[in-house]
C-alpha atoms as a PDB file:
ATOM      1  CA  MET A   1       0.000   0.000   0.000  1.00  0.00           C
ATOM      2  CA  ALA A   2       1.257   3.512  -0.826  1.00  0.00           C
ATOM      3  CA  ASP A   3       2.329   5.922   1.908  1.00  0.00           C
ATOM      4  CA  ARG A   4      -0.593   7.804   3.392  1.00  0.00           C
ATOM      5  CA  GLY A   5      -0.924  11.328   2.022  1.00  0.00           C
ATOM      6  CA  LYS A   6       1.719  10.828  -0.665  1.00  0.00           C
ATOM      7  CA  LEU A   7       0.738  10.352  -4.292  1.00  0.00           C
ATOM      8  CA  SER A   8       2.454   7.501  -6.066  1.00  0.00           C
ATOM      9  CA  PRO A   9       2.185   7.788  -9.847  1.00  0.00           C
ATOM     10  CA  GLU A  10       3.713   4.323 -10.205  1.00  0.00           C
ATOM     11  CA  ALA A  11       1.172   2.742  -7.841  1.00  0.00           C
ATOM     12  CA  ILE A  12      -1.640   4.518  -9.685  1.00  0.00           C
ATOM     13  CA  ARG A  13      -0.318   3.271 -13.065  1.00  0.00           C
ATOM     14  CA  GLU A  14      -0.087  -0.270 -11.702  1.00  0.00           C
ATOM     15  CA  ARG A  15      -3.608  -0.101 -10.296  1.00  0.00           C
ATOM     16  CA  ARG A  16      -4.993   1.218 -13.599  1.00  0.00           C
ATOM     17  CA  ALA A  17      -3.218  -1.546 -15.502  1.00  0.00           C
ATOM     18  CA  HIS A  18      -4.683  -4.116 -13.109  1.00  0.00           C
ATOM     19  CA  GLU A  19      -8.195  -2.709 -13.441  1.00  0.00           C
ATOM     20  CA  GLU A  20      -7.968  -2.778 -17.252  1.00  0.00           C
ATOM     21  CA  LEU A  21      -8.288  -6.562 -16.904  1.00  0.00           C
ATOM     22  CA  ASN A  22     -11.086  -6.459 -14.316  1.00  0.00           C
ATOM     23  CA  VAL A  23     -14.240  -7.462 -16.189  1.00  0.00           C
ATOM     24  CA  PHE A  24     -16.460  -6.454 -13.270  1.00  0.00           C
ATOM     25  CA  SER A  25     -15.153  -2.895 -13.156  1.00  0.00           C
ATOM     26  CA  ARG A  26     -15.214  -2.518 -16.949  1.00  0.00           C
ATOM     27  CA  LEU A  27     -18.838  -3.541 -17.467  1.00  0.00           C
ATOM     28  CA  PRO A  28     -20.486  -0.495 -15.829  1.00  0.00           C
ATOM     29  CA  ALA A  29     -18.279   1.861 -17.832  1.00  0.00           C
ATOM     30  CA  VAL A  30     -19.039   0.035 -21.093  1.00  0.00           C
ATOM     31  CA  TYR A  31     -22.763   0.033 -20.311  1.00  0.00           C
ATOM     32  CA  ALA A  32     -22.730   3.757 -19.469  1.00  0.00           C
ATOM     33  CA  ALA A  33     -20.803   4.586 -22.644  1.00  0.00           C
ATOM     34  CA  SER A  34     -23.223   2.537 -24.732  1.00  0.00           C
ATOM     35  CA  ARG A  35     -26.246   4.292 -23.224  1.00  0.00           C
ATOM     36  CA  LYS A  36     -24.688   7.723 -23.637  1.00  0.00           C
ATOM     37  CA  GLN A  37     -23.803   7.079 -27.268  1.00  0.00           C
ATOM     38  CA  GLY A  38     -27.244   5.568 -27.922  1.00  0.00           C
ATOM     39  CA  GLN A  39     -28.901   8.643 -26.430  1.00  0.00           C
ATOM     40  CA  GLN A  40     -26.753  10.878 -28.642  1.00  0.00           C
ATOM     41  CA  PHE A  41     -27.842   8.946 -31.730  1.00  0.00           C
ATOM     42  CA  LEU A  42     -31.484   9.010 -30.657  1.00  0.00           C
ATOM     43  CA  GLN A  43     -31.368  12.784 -30.116  1.00  0.00           C
ATOM     44  CA  ARG A  44     -30.655  12.993 -33.834  1.00  0.00           C
ATOM     45  CA  GLY A  45     -33.281  10.368 -34.519  1.00  0.00           C
ATOM     46  CA  GLY A  46     -36.342  12.098 -33.133  1.00  0.00           C
ATOM     47  CA  GLY A  47     -35.516  12.457 -29.457  1.00  0.00           C
ATOM     48  CA  ILE A  48     -36.997   9.215 -28.144  1.00  0.00           C
ATOM     49  CA  SER A  49     -35.394   7.386 -25.224  1.00  0.00           C
ATOM     50  CA  ILE A  50     -33.436   4.154 -25.442  1.00  0.00           C
ATOM     51  CA  VAL A  51     -36.281   2.208 -23.802  1.00  0.00           C
ATOM     52  CA  GLU A  52     -38.739   3.758 -26.263  1.00  0.00           C
ATOM     53  CA  TRP A  53     -36.449   2.940 -29.184  1.00  0.00           C
ATOM     54  CA  ARG A  54     -35.964  -0.700 -28.150  1.00  0.00           C
ATOM     55  CA  THR A  55     -39.671  -1.180 -27.541  1.00  0.00           C
ATOM     56  CA  LEU A  56     -40.755   0.449 -30.813  1.00  0.00           C
ATOM     57  CA  TRP A  57     -38.092  -1.483 -32.729  1.00  0.00           C
ATOM     58  CA  ASP A  58     -39.217  -4.809 -31.264  1.00  0.00           C
ATOM     59  CA  LEU A  59     -42.899  -4.075 -31.869  1.00  0.00           C
ATOM     60  CA  CYS A  60     -42.332  -2.838 -35.425  1.00  0.00           C
ATOM     61  CA  GLU A  61     -40.227  -5.909 -36.251  1.00  0.00           C
ATOM     62  CA  ALA A  62     -42.253  -8.607 -34.476  1.00  0.00           C
ATOM     63  CA  GLY A  63     -45.730  -7.150 -33.991  1.00  0.00           C
ATOM     64  CA  PRO A  64     -47.812  -7.065 -30.813  1.00  0.00           C
ATOM     65  CA  MET A  65     -46.427  -8.907 -27.805  1.00  0.00           C
ATOM     66  CA  THR A  66     -46.721  -9.111 -24.048  1.00  0.00           C
ATOM     67  CA  ILE A  67     -44.608  -7.107 -21.645  1.00  0.00           C
ATOM     68  CA  ARG A  68     -42.983 -10.409 -20.656  1.00  0.00           C
ATOM     69  CA  ASP A  69     -42.037 -11.048 -24.309  1.00  0.00           C
ATOM     70  CA  LEU A  70     -40.567  -7.547 -24.644  1.00  0.00           C
ATOM     71  CA  ALA A  71     -38.552  -7.959 -21.451  1.00  0.00           C
ATOM     72  CA  ALA A  72     -37.197 -11.326 -22.618  1.00  0.00           C
ATOM     73  CA  ILE A  73     -36.172  -9.988 -26.034  1.00  0.00           C
ATOM     74  CA  GLN A  74     -34.524  -6.927 -24.524  1.00  0.00           C
ATOM     75  CA  ARG A  75     -32.961  -8.830 -21.618  1.00  0.00           C
ATOM     76  CA  ALA A  76     -34.533  -6.106 -19.527  1.00  0.00           C
ATOM     77  CA  ASP A  77     -36.202  -6.079 -16.168  1.00  0.00           C
ATOM     78  CA  HIS A  78     -39.952  -6.637 -16.509  1.00  0.00           C
ATOM     79  CA  SER A  79     -40.643  -3.856 -13.984  1.00  0.00           C
ATOM     80  CA  LEU A  80     -38.557  -1.344 -16.009  1.00  0.00           C
ATOM     81  CA  LEU A  81     -40.803  -1.895 -19.010  1.00  0.00           C
ATOM     82  CA  SER A  82     -43.936  -1.901 -16.878  1.00  0.00           C
ATOM     83  CA  ARG A  83     -42.968   1.565 -15.625  1.00  0.00           C
ATOM     84  CA  ALA A  84     -41.972   2.909 -19.075  1.00  0.00           C
ATOM     85  CA  LEU A  85     -44.921   1.636 -21.099  1.00  0.00           C
ATOM     86  CA  PRO A  86     -47.664   3.825 -19.563  1.00  0.00           C
ATOM     87  CA  ASP A  87     -45.634   6.906 -20.548  1.00  0.00           C
ATOM     88  CA  MET A  88     -45.249   5.507 -24.063  1.00  0.00           C
ATOM     89  CA  ARG A  89     -48.997   4.922 -24.139  1.00  0.00           C
ATOM     90  CA  ASP A  90     -49.610   8.495 -22.959  1.00  0.00           C
ATOM     91  CA  LYS A  91     -47.350   9.767 -25.755  1.00  0.00           C
ATOM     92  CA  GLY A  92     -49.452   7.802 -28.231  1.00  0.00           C
ATOM     93  CA  PHE A  93     -46.649   5.383 -29.224  1.00  0.00           C
ATOM     94  CA  VAL A  94     -48.323   2.159 -28.061  1.00  0.00           C
ATOM     95  CA  THR A  95     -51.598   0.684 -26.938  1.00  0.00           C
ATOM     96  CA  MET A  96     -51.876  -1.702 -24.019  1.00  0.00           C
ATOM     97  CA  THR A  97     -54.695  -4.223 -23.691  1.00  0.00           C
ATOM     98  CA  ARG A  98     -55.344  -7.303 -21.598  1.00  0.00           C
ATOM     99  CA  ASP A  99     -54.449 -10.555 -23.333  1.00  0.00           C
ATOM    100  CA  GLU A 100     -57.653 -12.387 -24.253  1.00  0.00           C
ATOM    101  CA  ALA A 101     -56.081 -15.798 -23.571  1.00  0.00           C
ATOM    102  CA  ASP A 102     -54.333 -14.844 -20.320  1.00  0.00           C
ATOM    103  CA  LYS A 103     -55.950 -11.895 -18.553  1.00  0.00           C
ATOM    104  CA  ARG A 104     -52.857 -11.526 -16.341  1.00  0.00           C
ATOM    105  CA  GLN A 105     -50.792 -10.494 -19.361  1.00  0.00           C
ATOM    106  CA  THR A 106     -50.787  -7.117 -21.100  1.00  0.00           C
ATOM    107  CA  VAL A 107     -50.396  -7.028 -24.876  1.00  0.00           C
ATOM    108  CA  VAL A 108     -48.480  -4.044 -26.229  1.00  0.00           C
ATOM    109  CA  GLU A 109     -48.966  -2.876 -29.816  1.00  0.00           C
ATOM    110  CA  VAL A 110     -47.348  -0.053 -31.749  1.00  0.00           C
ATOM    111  CA  THR A 111     -49.588   2.781 -32.979  1.00  0.00           C
ATOM    112  CA  GLY A 112     -49.226   4.853 -36.136  1.00  0.00           C
ATOM    113  CA  LYS A 113     -47.506   7.557 -34.100  1.00  0.00           C
ATOM    114  CA  GLY A 114     -45.151   4.985 -32.595  1.00  0.00           C
ATOM    115  CA  ARG A 115     -44.355   3.580 -36.034  1.00  0.00           C
ATOM    116  CA  ALA A 116     -43.627   7.108 -37.274  1.00  0.00           C
ATOM    117  CA  ALA A 117     -41.218   7.683 -34.349  1.00  0.00           C
ATOM    118  CA  TYR A 118     -39.562   4.366 -35.176  1.00  0.00           C
ATOM    119  CA  GLU A 119     -39.222   5.309 -38.857  1.00  0.00           C
ATOM    120  CA  VAL A 120     -37.407   8.526 -37.891  1.00  0.00           C
ATOM    121  CA  ALA A 121     -35.042   6.779 -35.462  1.00  0.00           C
ATOM    122  CA  ALA A 122     -34.401   3.576 -37.440  1.00  0.00           C
ATOM    123  CA  PRO A 123     -31.982   5.003 -40.051  1.00  0.00           C
ATOM    124  CA  VAL A 124     -29.962   6.768 -37.363  1.00  0.00           C
ATOM    125  CA  MET A 125     -29.713   3.622 -35.251  1.00  0.00           C
ATOM    126  CA  ALA A 126     -28.889   1.568 -38.352  1.00  0.00           C
ATOM    127  CA  ARG A 127     -25.979   3.940 -38.886  1.00  0.00           C
ATOM    128  CA  ARG A 128     -24.810   3.216 -35.337  1.00  0.00           C
ATOM    129  CA  ARG A 129     -24.820  -0.532 -36.039  1.00  0.00           C
ATOM    130  CA  ALA A 130     -23.002   0.085 -39.329  1.00  0.00           C
ATOM    131  CA  ALA A 131     -20.379   2.162 -37.512  1.00  0.00           C
ATOM    132  CA  LEU A 132     -19.807  -0.747 -35.119  1.00  0.00           C
ATOM    133  CA  ARG A 133     -19.286  -3.038 -38.110  1.00  0.00           C
ATOM    134  CA  GLU A 134     -16.705  -0.540 -39.364  1.00  0.00           C
ATOM    135  CA  SER A 135     -14.869  -0.874 -36.029  1.00  0.00           C
ATOM    136  CA  MET A 136     -15.185  -4.636 -35.604  1.00  0.00           C
ATOM    137  CA  THR A 137     -15.392  -7.422 -38.158  1.00  0.00           C
ATOM    138  CA  GLU A 138     -18.414  -9.720 -38.267  1.00  0.00           C
ATOM    139  CA  ASP A 139     -16.245 -12.502 -36.804  1.00  0.00           C
ATOM    140  CA  GLU A 140     -15.100 -10.225 -33.961  1.00  0.00           C
ATOM    141  CA  ILE A 141     -18.693  -9.257 -33.198  1.00  0.00           C
ATOM    142  CA  ARG A 142     -19.751 -12.926 -33.151  1.00  0.00           C
ATOM    143  CA  ALA A 143     -16.793 -13.851 -30.916  1.00  0.00           C
ATOM    144  CA  PHE A 144     -17.647 -10.948 -28.593  1.00  0.00           C
ATOM    145  CA  ILE A 145     -21.295 -12.043 -28.403  1.00  0.00           C
ATOM    146  CA  THR A 146     -20.158 -15.602 -27.633  1.00  0.00           C
ATOM    147  CA  LEU A 147     -18.029 -14.279 -24.777  1.00  0.00           C
ATOM    148  CA  LEU A 148     -20.863 -12.042 -23.549  1.00  0.00           C
ATOM    149  CA  THR A 149     -23.171 -15.061 -23.496  1.00  0.00           C
ATOM    150  CA  LYS A 150     -20.656 -17.044 -21.432  1.00  0.00           C
ATOM    151  CA  LEU A 151     -20.300 -14.093 -19.056  1.00  0.00           C
ATOM    152  CA  GLU A 152     -24.072 -13.714 -18.802  1.00  0.00           C
ATOM    153  CA  VAL A 153     -24.444 -17.404 -17.902  1.00  0.00           C
ATOM    154  CA  PHE A 154     -21.727 -17.009 -15.265  1.00  0.00           C
ATOM    155  CA  LEU A 155     -23.377 -13.883 -13.834  1.00  0.00           C
ATOM    156  CA  HIS A 156     -26.690 -15.718 -13.493  1.00  0.00           C
ATOM    157  CA  THR A 157     -24.980 -18.338 -11.335  1.00  0.00           C
ATOM    158  CA  PRO A 158     -26.003 -17.732  -7.722  1.00  0.00           C
ATOM    159  CA  ALA A 159     -23.200 -16.507  -5.463  1.00  0.00           C
ATOM    160  CA  ASP A 160     -23.860 -19.341  -2.998  1.00  0.00           C
ATOM    161  CA  GLN A 161     -23.228 -21.867  -5.742  1.00  0.00           C
ATOM    162  CA  LEU A 162     -19.924 -20.229  -6.688  1.00  0.00           C
ATOM    163  CA  LEU A 163     -18.838 -19.931  -3.059  1.00  0.00           C
ATOM    164  CA  GLU A 164     -19.748 -23.576  -2.489  1.00  0.00           C
ATOM    165  CA  ARG A 165     -17.378 -24.614  -5.303  1.00  0.00           C
ATOM    166  CA  GLU A 166     -14.556 -22.819  -3.507  1.00  0.00           C
ATOM    167  CA  THR A 167     -15.079 -24.758  -0.273  1.00  0.00           C
ATOM    168  CA  HIS A 168     -15.121 -28.108  -2.117  1.00  0.00           C
ATOM    169  CA  GLN A 169     -11.821 -27.572  -3.916  1.00  0.00           C
END
C-alpha cells in the first residue's frame, strides 16, 4: 500500500493496468458509454429514449407482444418496461390491452404515431450498427457475443453456488 498522504504515480499506473483486466469494473463503464452514445444517436433520430427505441423497434419488427415477451427480447427487467410503457402509451406510441387468452398479461402494440417515431429513429440507429461493423469485423462481433453469453451465464450463477465450489476444492 502507498504511503498515506503521498501520491504515487507508479502505484496509480499499476492499479490502472490491473483494473484494465477487471471485467467487473469494466462492465459499468461500457454500459454507461453505450447508453450515452445511444442517447446521442437518438437525439438525432427524433428524441426518443433508449427504452422507447428498443420497444418500438421490437414491436415494429415482431408485432404485438406481451410485456414479458418484450422484457425477454430486450434482456430487460420486466418492472422497467412496466414503468416505461404507460408513458409511451400516454405519448401515443403504443396501446396496451389485456391478453384475451391470459388476462394476467398485457399485450403491447405499436400505434401509427409509434411507427412514425420508429421510422425517424431507425436510419440513425442503423448507422450506429453500421459504424460498429466498421470498427469490428463480423467474426469479432460474433466472438464478442459468444463471450458475452458465457459471461451472462456465469453472472446468473447464484453466489452461494460459486462460493460452495470454492469450499469443495
